[in-house]
Amino acid sequence: MNLKIFQKNLLHFEKAIRKLIDSLNLLKSFASNTVPRRHEDTLNRYVYVLERLGRTSRITSDDIEGLRKEAVASFSSCSTNSTRMLELKKIIQLINAIPLTSKNSQYLMQYQYIVNWYYCQLRFISSPLERRRLFKEAKAKYRKIFDLLKDTDIYDKLPSYLHWSQLCYEYAELADDESLIWCKEGISCASANLTASSSRNSTLSLDRDNISLIDSLSSYTWNRKQKYISDTLEYIRDNVSKIETIMYSSGSVGIHESLMV
């Protein structure tokens, strides 16, 4: 990466972290008089993590996993919708502060876990009008993910298609044609990969007696990847089928305007 671009991105990230810390400190001040002590303690832990990220100017998949577990535990301790909503307002600020620049599969997986968890929680405690805005927000995040992964191998890209199809299913009545196209891109890419793999297997079977131990181990790893692709493909197909059923039943197919950001 060009040094000037890197320095510019670094400065932007540091400013975003500082702004978020300021916002959370305001929430801490509010929380001290309105919500139980445990929620204030959670805010303190959030701020601590963000301050550490601000000092190191980087975030790892382990950091995101830790934030998600902390968020889930804190949310689970809420007893009313008002405290749940307050907790989710803190969590989305954390999610929005996570830089979406890495193609690392573990990093993106942890990011998608916390994004899907957040929007699935709100799905059940928000109004129908609010759900449309939430789906639009989630779609914008996945648009960035798919842009980031456009030149990536299908094995690394497929989990994102799966996670999107799962979230799309949760908001199926709001899904539009573009949302389904993203899911079907995953199906198309995975199917093409498996077709090519079938041809490779046929070639290998003709000369199996000459395969070395190293080749056998490599073939074992390759076959495991193909099984993962095949299994994930079926999950996505199943989600798409359920999404389309709901869209047809609600009259959404071909009617929703694409939720462009």
Protein backbone atom coordinates (compact mmCIF):
# COMPACT_ATOMS: atom_id res chain seq x y z
CA MET A 1 0.00 0.00 0.00
CA ASN A 2 1.23 3.54 -0.79
CA LEU A 3 2.71 5.12 2.36
CA LYS A 4 0.68 8.33 2.06
CA ILE A 5 -2.57 6.38 1.65
CA PHE A 6 -1.66 4.19 4.64
CA GLN A 7 -0.94 7.24 6.80
CA LYS A 8 -4.20 8.86 5.71
CA ASN A 9 -6.19 5.71 6.55
CA LEU A 10 -4.39 5.43 9.88
CA LEU A 11 -5.27 9.02 10.79
CA HIS A 12 -8.89 8.45 9.80
CA PHE A 13 -9.06 5.30 11.93
CA GLU A 14 -7.56 7.06 14.97
CA LYS A 15 -10.07 9.92 14.63
CA ALA A 16 -12.96 7.45 14.34
CA ILE A 17 -11.81 5.62 17.46
CA ARG A 18 -11.48 8.87 19.43
CA LYS A 19 -14.95 10.01 18.31
CA LEU A 20 -16.44 6.68 19.37
CA ILE A 21 -14.72 6.80 22.75
CA ASP A 22 -16.17 10.29 23.30
CA SER A 23 -19.64 8.97 22.39
CA LEU A 24 -19.34 6.04 24.76
CA ASN A 25 -18.15 8.32 27.55
CA LEU A 26 -21.33 10.34 27.07
CA LEU A 27 -23.32 7.12 27.31
CA LYS A 28 -21.42 6.26 30.49
CA SER A 29 -22.47 9.57 32.01
CA PHE A 30 -26.08 8.90 31.04
CA ALA A 31 -25.95 5.27 32.16
CA SER A 32 -24.68 6.08 35.64
CA ASN A 33 -28.04 7.65 36.47
CA THR A 34 -30.42 5.51 34.43
CA VAL A 35 -29.32 1.88 34.17
CA PRO A 36 -27.90 -0.79 36.50
CA ARG A 37 -24.24 -0.72 37.44
CA ARG A 38 -23.38 -3.75 35.30
CA HIS A 39 -24.18 -1.76 32.13
CA GLU A 40 -21.86 1.03 33.20
CA ASP A 41 -19.15 -1.58 33.81
CA THR A 42 -19.70 -2.91 30.30
CA LEU A 43 -19.24 0.56 28.86
CA ASN A 44 -15.98 0.86 30.77
CA ARG A 45 -14.75 -2.37 29.19
CA TYR A 46 -15.81 -1.22 25.72
CA VAL A 47 -13.94 2.05 26.16
CA TYR A 48 -10.87 0.19 27.41
CA VAL A 49 -10.78 -2.01 24.32
CA LEU A 50 -11.25 0.96 21.99
CA GLU A 51 -8.53 2.95 23.71
CA ARG A 52 -6.18 0.01 23.25
CA LEU A 53 -7.14 -0.17 19.59
CA GLY A 54 -6.56 3.55 19.28
CA ARG A 55 -3.04 3.15 20.69
CA THR A 56 -2.12 0.20 18.48
CA SER A 57 -4.12 1.41 15.45
CA ARG A 58 -5.07 -2.14 14.53
CA ILE A 59 -7.73 -4.69 15.33
CA THR A 60 -7.57 -8.48 15.00
CA SER A 61 -10.13 -11.24 14.59
CA ASP A 62 -9.58 -12.09 18.28
CA ASP A 63 -10.46 -8.49 19.22
CA ILE A 64 -13.72 -8.69 17.28
CA GLU A 65 -14.54 -12.07 18.81
CA GLY A 66 -13.92 -10.64 22.28
CA LEU A 67 -16.16 -7.65 21.59
CA ARG A 68 -18.91 -9.94 20.32
CA LYS A 69 -18.78 -12.20 23.38
CA GLU A 70 -18.81 -9.18 25.68
CA ALA A 71 -21.74 -7.70 23.78
CA VAL A 72 -23.74 -10.94 23.82
CA ALA A 73 -23.16 -11.44 27.56
CA SER A 74 -24.12 -7.88 28.39
CA PHE A 75 -27.20 -7.96 26.15
CA SER A 76 -28.32 -11.25 27.69
CA SER A 77 -28.28 -9.67 31.13
CA CYS A 78 -30.80 -6.98 30.09
CA SER A 79 -34.29 -7.55 31.43
CA THR A 80 -36.33 -4.95 29.52
CA ASN A 81 -36.58 -3.77 25.92
CA SER A 82 -35.43 -0.28 26.91
CA THR A 83 -32.17 -1.57 28.40
CA ARG A 84 -31.72 -3.92 25.43
CA MET A 85 -32.09 -1.01 23.03
CA LEU A 86 -29.58 1.03 25.02
CA GLU A 87 -27.14 -1.87 24.88
CA LEU A 88 -27.61 -2.30 21.14
CA LYS A 89 -26.96 1.41 20.58
CA LYS A 90 -23.55 0.95 22.19
CA ILE A 91 -22.86 -2.18 20.21
CA ILE A 92 -23.59 -0.66 16.79
CA GLN A 93 -21.15 2.13 17.55
CA LEU A 94 -18.52 -0.52 18.21
CA ILE A 95 -19.38 -2.36 15.00
CA ASN A 96 -19.19 0.84 12.95
CA ALA A 97 -15.72 1.52 14.36
CA ILE A 98 -14.33 -1.79 13.11
CA PRO A 99 -12.25 -1.10 9.98
CA LEU A 100 -13.43 -3.17 7.04
CA THR A 101 -10.21 -3.38 5.01
CA SER A 102 -8.86 -6.90 5.62
CA LYS A 103 -9.55 -9.90 3.37
CA ASN A 104 -8.45 -12.28 6.12
CA SER A 105 -11.11 -14.99 6.34
CA GLN A 106 -11.09 -15.19 10.16
CA TYR A 107 -11.30 -11.42 10.49
CA LEU A 108 -14.27 -11.21 8.11
CA MET A 109 -15.96 -14.20 9.74
CA GLN A 110 -15.84 -12.62 13.20
CA TYR A 111 -17.04 -9.32 11.75
CA GLN A 112 -20.00 -11.04 10.08
CA TYR A 113 -20.81 -12.95 13.28
CA ILE A 114 -21.22 -9.73 15.28
CA VAL A 115 -23.06 -7.96 12.43
CA ASN A 116 -25.55 -10.81 11.97
CA TRP A 117 -26.05 -11.19 15.70
CA TYR A 118 -26.76 -7.46 16.10
CA TYR A 119 -29.29 -7.21 13.28
CA CYS A 120 -31.01 -10.44 14.27
CA GLN A 121 -31.57 -9.12 17.81
CA LEU A 122 -33.07 -5.89 16.50
CA ARG A 123 -35.23 -7.84 14.08
CA PHE A 124 -37.43 -8.98 16.95
CA ILE A 125 -37.69 -5.77 18.98
CA SER A 126 -38.03 -3.11 16.28
CA SER A 127 -41.03 -1.78 14.36
CA PRO A 128 -41.74 -2.79 10.74
CA LEU A 129 -40.66 0.66 9.54
CA GLU A 130 -37.45 0.46 11.54
CA ARG A 131 -36.69 -3.00 10.14
CA ARG A 132 -36.52 -1.60 6.61
CA ARG A 133 -33.81 0.86 7.72
CA LEU A 134 -31.94 -1.89 9.56
CA PHE A 135 -31.91 -4.17 6.54
CA LYS A 136 -30.61 -1.32 4.42
CA GLU A 137 -27.80 -0.75 6.94
CA ALA A 138 -26.87 -4.43 6.99
CA LYS A 139 -26.93 -4.59 3.21
CA ALA A 140 -24.52 -1.65 3.00
CA LYS A 141 -22.06 -3.52 5.22
CA TYR A 142 -22.24 -6.65 3.09
CA ARG A 143 -21.85 -4.59 -0.07
CA LYS A 144 -18.47 -3.48 1.25
CA ILE A 145 -17.59 -7.09 2.09
CA PHE A 146 -18.45 -8.37 -1.38
CA ASP A 147 -16.51 -5.50 -3.00
CA LEU A 148 -13.54 -6.40 -0.84
CA LEU A 149 -13.76 -10.07 -1.86
CA LYS A 150 -14.47 -9.66 -5.57
CA ASP A 151 -11.07 -11.11 -6.60
CA THR A 152 -10.93 -13.73 -3.83
CA ASP A 153 -11.00 -17.52 -4.20
CA ILE A 154 -14.47 -19.06 -3.79
CA TYR A 155 -13.35 -21.07 -0.74
CA ASP A 156 -12.62 -17.84 1.16
CA LYS A 157 -15.60 -15.98 -0.28
CA LEU A 158 -18.30 -18.59 0.30
CA PRO A 159 -18.77 -17.99 4.08
CA SER A 160 -19.76 -14.40 3.32
CA TYR A 161 -22.40 -15.56 0.85
CA LEU A 162 -23.70 -17.99 3.47
CA HIS A 163 -23.85 -15.39 6.24
CA TRP A 164 -25.57 -12.92 3.92
CA SER A 165 -28.17 -15.53 2.93
CA GLN A 166 -28.81 -16.24 6.63
CA LEU A 167 -29.34 -12.56 7.43
CA CYS A 168 -31.43 -12.15 4.28
CA TYR A 169 -33.68 -14.95 5.47
CA GLU A 170 -34.23 -13.15 8.80
CA TYR A 171 -35.42 -10.10 6.84
CA ALA A 172 -36.94 -12.06 3.95
CA GLU A 173 -40.06 -9.89 3.65
CA LEU A 174 -37.74 -6.93 2.92
CA ALA A 175 -35.35 -8.74 0.57
CA ASP A 176 -35.08 -7.34 -2.95
CA ASP A 177 -33.78 -8.66 -6.26
CA GLU A 178 -30.25 -7.45 -5.64
CA SER A 179 -30.14 -9.20 -2.27
CA LEU A 180 -31.06 -12.48 -3.96
CA ILE A 181 -28.53 -11.88 -6.75
CA TRP A 182 -25.74 -11.79 -4.15
CA CYS A 183 -26.93 -15.12 -2.73
CA LYS A 184 -27.18 -16.65 -6.20
CA GLU A 185 -23.70 -15.42 -7.10
CA GLY A 186 -22.45 -17.63 -4.28
CA ILE A 187 -24.46 -20.56 -5.64
CA SER A 188 -23.16 -20.00 -9.17
CA CYS A 189 -19.50 -19.69 -8.13
CA ALA A 190 -19.68 -22.75 -5.87
CA SER A 191 -21.43 -24.84 -8.53
CA ALA A 192 -18.80 -23.91 -11.12
CA ASN A 193 -16.05 -24.86 -8.68
CA LEU A 194 -17.60 -28.26 -8.00
CA THR A 195 -18.03 -28.94 -11.73
CA ALA A 196 -14.35 -28.21 -12.30
CA SER A 197 -13.49 -30.37 -9.30
CA SER A 198 -15.42 -33.32 -10.70
CA SER A 199 -13.33 -33.12 -13.85
CA ARG A 200 -10.12 -33.03 -11.79
CA ASN A 201 -11.18 -36.11 -9.81
CA SER A 202 -11.79 -38.02 -13.02
CA THR A 203 -8.28 -37.20 -14.21
CA LEU A 204 -6.70 -38.26 -10.91
CA SER A 205 -8.55 -41.57 -10.84
CA LEU A 206 -6.88 -42.60 -14.11
CA ASP A 207 -3.43 -42.46 -12.52
CA ARG A 208 -4.13 -43.23 -8.86
CA ASP A 209 -1.34 -45.83 -8.57
CA ASN A 210 1.28 -43.16 -9.18
CA ILE A 211 0.10 -40.73 -6.50
CA SER A 212 2.79 -40.06 -3.88
CA LEU A 213 2.22 -39.62 -0.14
CA ILE A 214 2.58 -35.84 -0.48
CA ASP A 215 0.11 -35.85 -3.34
CA SER A 216 -2.27 -37.95 -1.25
CA LEU A 217 -2.14 -35.49 1.64
CA SER A 218 -2.65 -32.61 -0.74
CA SER A 219 -5.57 -34.44 -2.30
CA TYR A 220 -7.08 -35.07 1.16
CA THR A 221 -6.95 -31.35 2.01
CA TRP A 222 -8.37 -30.48 -1.38
CA ASN A 223 -11.23 -32.96 -0.97
CA ARG A 224 -12.08 -31.52 2.44
CA LYS A 225 -12.34 -28.08 0.87
CA GLN A 226 -14.62 -29.43 -1.83
CA LYS A 227 -16.87 -31.04 0.77
CA TYR A 228 -17.08 -27.73 2.62
CA ILE A 229 -18.00 -25.94 -0.60
CA SER A 230 -20.63 -28.58 -1.40
CA ASP A 231 -22.20 -28.44 2.07
CA THR A 232 -22.20 -24.63 2.15
CA LEU A 233 -23.74 -24.53 -1.30
CA GLU A 234 -26.69 -26.59 -0.07
CA TYR A 235 -27.18 -24.30 2.95
CA ILE A 236 -27.27 -21.24 0.70
CA ARG A 237 -29.69 -22.94 -1.71
CA ASP A 238 -31.96 -23.80 1.20
CA ASN A 239 -31.89 -20.21 2.48
CA VAL A 240 -32.63 -18.82 -0.98
CA SER A 241 -35.56 -21.20 -1.38
CA LYS A 242 -37.05 -20.05 1.95
CA ILE A 243 -36.40 -16.38 1.13
CA GLU A 244 -38.14 -16.68 -2.24
CA THR A 245 -41.12 -18.46 -0.66
CA ILE A 246 -41.59 -15.57 1.78
CA MET A 247 -41.03 -12.95 -0.93
CA TYR A 248 -43.64 -14.57 -3.19
CA SER A 249 -46.14 -14.93 -0.36
CA SER A 250 -45.74 -11.25 0.58
CA GLY A 251 -45.76 -10.07 -3.04
CA SER A 252 -42.20 -8.77 -2.79
CA VAL A 253 -40.66 -10.40 -5.86
CA GLY A 254 -40.06 -7.85 -8.59
CA ILE A 255 -41.79 -5.14 -6.55
CA HIS A 256 -39.20 -3.93 -4.02
CA GLU A 257 -36.99 -1.17 -5.27
CA SER A 258 -33.36 -2.17 -4.81
CA LEU A 259 -32.16 -0.95 -1.43
CA MET A 260 -29.26 1.03 -2.82
CA VAL A 261 -26.99 2.85 -0.36
